[in-house]
Amino acid sequence: MCKDCRKYITETKVILSNGSTDSNCNSILFVNTGVTNVTIDGLLLVPNQSWEVSGNKDEINVKTYYFTFASLTGAALTVIYKRYL
């Protein structure tokens, strides 16, 4: 095991309605796993499209991301967070 390595975990959330999420992580991956478009902070993701925001070593993203689905029928946004321990 690497003695200088930083430990981290991943956390996955599936979001089914309009709203927001705080990041507080080193990297965050948004995957549109639904069948309707979703807009995240002005960026449009079509079904099966993804968007990742990642930081450098030891950086923490503290942004709140806001998302809106084109329709709540078939809406699903999977968010994967990489969090340092």
N, C-alpha and C. Protein backbone atom coordinates (compact mmCIF):
# COMPACT_ATOMS: atom_id res chain seq x y z
N MET A 1 0.85 -1.18 0.00
CA MET A 1 0.00 0.00 0.00
C MET A 1 0.89 1.24 0.00
N CYS A 2 0.48 2.23 -0.71
CA CYS A 2 1.23 3.48 -0.84
C CYS A 2 1.08 4.32 0.43
N LYS A 3 2.20 4.65 1.08
CA LYS A 3 2.11 5.40 2.33
C LYS A 3 1.75 6.87 2.12
N ASP A 4 2.02 7.42 0.93
CA ASP A 4 1.72 8.83 0.65
C ASP A 4 0.42 9.02 -0.11
N CYS A 5 -0.28 7.95 -0.38
CA CYS A 5 -1.53 8.04 -1.15
C CYS A 5 -2.66 8.61 -0.30
N ARG A 6 -3.50 9.42 -0.92
CA ARG A 6 -4.70 9.93 -0.25
C ARG A 6 -5.80 8.91 -0.44
N LYS A 7 -6.52 8.60 0.61
CA LYS A 7 -7.65 7.67 0.52
C LYS A 7 -8.90 8.46 0.13
N TYR A 8 -9.76 7.79 -0.64
CA TYR A 8 -11.02 8.41 -1.04
C TYR A 8 -12.09 7.33 -1.18
N ILE A 9 -13.32 7.80 -1.22
CA ILE A 9 -14.47 6.93 -1.49
C ILE A 9 -15.23 7.52 -2.67
N THR A 10 -16.09 6.71 -3.25
CA THR A 10 -17.03 7.24 -4.24
C THR A 10 -18.43 7.08 -3.66
N GLU A 11 -19.27 8.04 -3.98
CA GLU A 11 -20.67 8.02 -3.55
C GLU A 11 -21.52 8.22 -4.79
N THR A 12 -22.55 7.42 -4.94
CA THR A 12 -23.43 7.51 -6.10
C THR A 12 -24.84 7.84 -5.66
N LYS A 13 -25.45 8.82 -6.35
CA LYS A 13 -26.85 9.18 -6.10
C LYS A 13 -27.59 9.14 -7.43
N VAL A 14 -28.82 8.70 -7.39
CA VAL A 14 -29.70 8.76 -8.56
C VAL A 14 -30.79 9.77 -8.23
N ILE A 15 -30.89 10.80 -9.05
CA ILE A 15 -31.81 11.90 -8.82
C ILE A 15 -32.93 11.81 -9.86
N LEU A 16 -34.18 11.94 -9.38
CA LEU A 16 -35.34 11.75 -10.26
C LEU A 16 -36.21 12.99 -10.42
N SER A 17 -35.79 14.12 -9.85
CA SER A 17 -36.59 15.35 -9.96
C SER A 17 -35.69 16.57 -10.01
N ASN A 18 -36.24 17.70 -10.40
CA ASN A 18 -35.49 18.95 -10.48
C ASN A 18 -34.94 19.32 -9.11
N GLY A 19 -33.80 19.97 -9.08
CA GLY A 19 -33.25 20.37 -7.80
C GLY A 19 -31.79 20.77 -7.90
N SER A 20 -31.03 20.44 -6.85
CA SER A 20 -29.63 20.81 -6.80
C SER A 20 -28.87 19.79 -5.96
N THR A 21 -27.55 19.84 -6.09
CA THR A 21 -26.69 19.01 -5.26
C THR A 21 -25.42 19.78 -4.95
N ASP A 22 -24.98 19.70 -3.70
CA ASP A 22 -23.68 20.26 -3.32
C ASP A 22 -22.62 19.25 -3.72
N SER A 23 -21.48 19.74 -4.14
CA SER A 23 -20.43 18.81 -4.56
C SER A 23 -19.56 18.39 -3.38
N ASN A 24 -18.77 19.30 -2.81
CA ASN A 24 -17.86 19.00 -1.71
C ASN A 24 -17.06 17.73 -1.98
N CYS A 25 -16.43 17.67 -3.15
CA CYS A 25 -15.70 16.49 -3.56
C CYS A 25 -14.56 16.89 -4.48
N ASN A 26 -13.69 15.94 -4.80
CA ASN A 26 -12.57 16.19 -5.71
C ASN A 26 -13.03 16.13 -7.16
N SER A 27 -13.94 15.22 -7.47
CA SER A 27 -14.50 15.17 -8.83
C SER A 27 -15.96 14.74 -8.75
N ILE A 28 -16.70 15.18 -9.75
CA ILE A 28 -18.12 14.86 -9.81
C ILE A 28 -18.46 14.50 -11.25
N LEU A 29 -19.20 13.42 -11.41
CA LEU A 29 -19.60 12.93 -12.73
C LEU A 29 -21.12 12.90 -12.79
N PHE A 30 -21.67 13.57 -13.79
CA PHE A 30 -23.12 13.56 -14.04
C PHE A 30 -23.37 12.68 -15.26
N VAL A 31 -24.29 11.73 -15.15
CA VAL A 31 -24.65 10.87 -16.27
C VAL A 31 -26.16 10.91 -16.41
N ASN A 32 -26.63 11.32 -17.58
CA ASN A 32 -28.07 11.34 -17.84
C ASN A 32 -28.49 9.90 -18.14
N THR A 33 -29.01 9.23 -17.12
CA THR A 33 -29.42 7.83 -17.27
C THR A 33 -30.91 7.70 -17.54
N GLY A 34 -31.57 8.82 -17.76
CA GLY A 34 -33.00 8.80 -18.07
C GLY A 34 -33.24 8.84 -19.56
N VAL A 35 -34.49 9.11 -19.93
CA VAL A 35 -34.88 9.16 -21.34
C VAL A 35 -35.30 10.56 -21.76
N THR A 36 -35.05 11.54 -20.90
CA THR A 36 -35.38 12.92 -21.21
C THR A 36 -34.14 13.79 -20.98
N ASN A 37 -34.06 14.94 -21.64
CA ASN A 37 -32.92 15.83 -21.49
C ASN A 37 -32.87 16.43 -20.09
N VAL A 38 -31.67 16.75 -19.63
CA VAL A 38 -31.49 17.43 -18.35
C VAL A 38 -30.49 18.57 -18.58
N THR A 39 -30.75 19.69 -17.94
CA THR A 39 -29.85 20.84 -18.01
C THR A 39 -29.22 21.04 -16.64
N ILE A 40 -27.89 21.07 -16.61
CA ILE A 40 -27.14 21.26 -15.37
C ILE A 40 -26.37 22.57 -15.51
N ASP A 41 -26.76 23.56 -14.71
CA ASP A 41 -26.10 24.88 -14.76
C ASP A 41 -25.92 25.38 -16.19
N GLY A 42 -26.95 25.23 -17.01
CA GLY A 42 -26.93 25.73 -18.38
C GLY A 42 -26.36 24.76 -19.41
N LEU A 43 -25.81 23.64 -18.97
CA LEU A 43 -25.27 22.64 -19.89
C LEU A 43 -26.30 21.55 -20.14
N LEU A 44 -26.66 21.34 -21.39
CA LEU A 44 -27.65 20.35 -21.77
C LEU A 44 -27.01 18.97 -21.91
N LEU A 45 -27.57 17.98 -21.22
CA LEU A 45 -27.15 16.59 -21.39
C LEU A 45 -28.33 15.81 -21.96
N VAL A 46 -28.12 15.18 -23.10
CA VAL A 46 -29.14 14.32 -23.69
C VAL A 46 -29.01 12.94 -23.04
N PRO A 47 -30.00 12.07 -23.21
CA PRO A 47 -29.89 10.73 -22.61
C PRO A 47 -28.58 10.02 -22.98
N ASN A 48 -27.98 9.38 -21.98
CA ASN A 48 -26.72 8.64 -22.08
C ASN A 48 -25.48 9.53 -22.20
N GLN A 49 -25.64 10.83 -22.13
CA GLN A 49 -24.49 11.73 -22.18
C GLN A 49 -24.01 12.01 -20.76
N SER A 50 -22.71 12.30 -20.62
CA SER A 50 -22.15 12.56 -19.29
C SER A 50 -21.31 13.83 -19.31
N TRP A 51 -21.05 14.34 -18.09
CA TRP A 51 -20.22 15.53 -17.90
C TRP A 51 -19.45 15.34 -16.60
N GLU A 52 -18.14 15.47 -16.67
CA GLU A 52 -17.32 15.31 -15.47
C GLU A 52 -16.57 16.60 -15.16
N VAL A 53 -16.54 16.96 -13.89
CA VAL A 53 -15.74 18.08 -13.40
C VAL A 53 -14.78 17.49 -12.39
N SER A 54 -13.48 17.57 -12.68
CA SER A 54 -12.51 16.97 -11.77
C SER A 54 -11.46 18.00 -11.36
N GLY A 55 -10.95 17.81 -10.16
CA GLY A 55 -9.93 18.70 -9.64
C GLY A 55 -8.57 18.05 -9.65
N ASN A 56 -7.57 18.85 -9.38
CA ASN A 56 -6.22 18.33 -9.22
C ASN A 56 -6.09 17.68 -7.86
N LYS A 57 -4.96 17.06 -7.61
CA LYS A 57 -4.70 16.40 -6.34
C LYS A 57 -4.93 17.39 -5.19
N ASP A 58 -5.65 16.94 -4.18
CA ASP A 58 -5.93 17.69 -2.95
C ASP A 58 -6.85 18.89 -3.14
N GLU A 59 -7.52 19.03 -4.28
CA GLU A 59 -8.50 20.10 -4.47
C GLU A 59 -9.89 19.59 -4.13
N ILE A 60 -10.73 20.48 -3.62
CA ILE A 60 -12.12 20.16 -3.29
C ILE A 60 -13.03 21.15 -4.01
N ASN A 61 -13.96 20.63 -4.77
CA ASN A 61 -14.98 21.43 -5.46
C ASN A 61 -16.12 21.68 -4.47
N VAL A 62 -16.47 22.94 -4.23
CA VAL A 62 -17.51 23.27 -3.25
C VAL A 62 -18.75 23.90 -3.90
N LYS A 63 -18.88 23.76 -5.19
CA LYS A 63 -20.00 24.36 -5.93
C LYS A 63 -21.31 23.61 -5.70
N THR A 64 -22.41 24.35 -5.76
CA THR A 64 -23.74 23.77 -5.81
C THR A 64 -24.18 23.74 -7.28
N TYR A 65 -24.55 22.56 -7.76
CA TYR A 65 -25.00 22.40 -9.14
C TYR A 65 -26.52 22.29 -9.16
N TYR A 66 -27.14 23.02 -10.09
CA TYR A 66 -28.60 23.04 -10.24
C TYR A 66 -28.97 22.33 -11.53
N PHE A 67 -30.03 21.50 -11.47
CA PHE A 67 -30.42 20.73 -12.65
C PHE A 67 -31.93 20.79 -12.82
N THR A 68 -32.33 20.75 -14.10
CA THR A 68 -33.74 20.78 -14.48
C THR A 68 -33.95 19.78 -15.62
N PHE A 69 -34.94 18.94 -15.46
CA PHE A 69 -35.29 17.96 -16.49
C PHE A 69 -36.31 18.56 -17.45
N ALA A 70 -36.25 18.18 -18.72
CA ALA A 70 -37.22 18.63 -19.71
C ALA A 70 -38.60 18.08 -19.38
N SER A 71 -38.65 16.89 -18.79
CA SER A 71 -39.88 16.25 -18.35
C SER A 71 -39.53 15.35 -17.19
N LEU A 72 -40.40 15.26 -16.21
CA LEU A 72 -40.12 14.38 -15.08
C LEU A 72 -40.44 12.92 -15.39
N THR A 73 -41.19 12.69 -16.47
CA THR A 73 -41.45 11.33 -16.91
C THR A 73 -40.18 10.78 -17.54
N GLY A 74 -39.62 9.76 -16.96
CA GLY A 74 -38.39 9.17 -17.48
C GLY A 74 -37.13 9.90 -17.08
N ALA A 75 -37.24 10.80 -16.09
CA ALA A 75 -36.08 11.57 -15.64
C ALA A 75 -35.20 10.72 -14.72
N ALA A 76 -33.89 10.76 -14.96
CA ALA A 76 -32.93 10.10 -14.07
C ALA A 76 -31.54 10.68 -14.33
N LEU A 77 -30.94 11.18 -13.28
CA LEU A 77 -29.60 11.72 -13.36
C LEU A 77 -28.76 10.99 -12.31
N THR A 78 -27.73 10.27 -12.75
CA THR A 78 -26.83 9.59 -11.83
C THR A 78 -25.63 10.50 -11.59
N VAL A 79 -25.33 10.73 -10.31
CA VAL A 79 -24.23 11.61 -9.93
C VAL A 79 -23.25 10.78 -9.10
N ILE A 80 -21.98 10.80 -9.51
CA ILE A 80 -20.94 10.06 -8.79
C ILE A 80 -19.92 11.07 -8.27
N TYR A 81 -19.72 11.03 -6.95
CA TYR A 81 -18.82 11.94 -6.27
C TYR A 81 -17.55 11.18 -5.85
N LYS A 82 -16.39 11.80 -5.99
CA LYS A 82 -15.13 11.25 -5.45
C LYS A 82 -14.77 12.13 -4.26
N ARG A 83 -14.79 11.53 -3.07
CA ARG A 83 -14.56 12.28 -1.83
C ARG A 83 -13.33 11.74 -1.10
N TYR A 84 -12.44 12.65 -0.73
CA TYR A 84 -11.28 12.27 0.08
C TYR A 84 -11.73 11.94 1.51
N LEU A 85 -11.03 11.03 2.13
CA LEU A 85 -11.30 10.69 3.53
C LEU A 85 -10.47 11.58 4.43
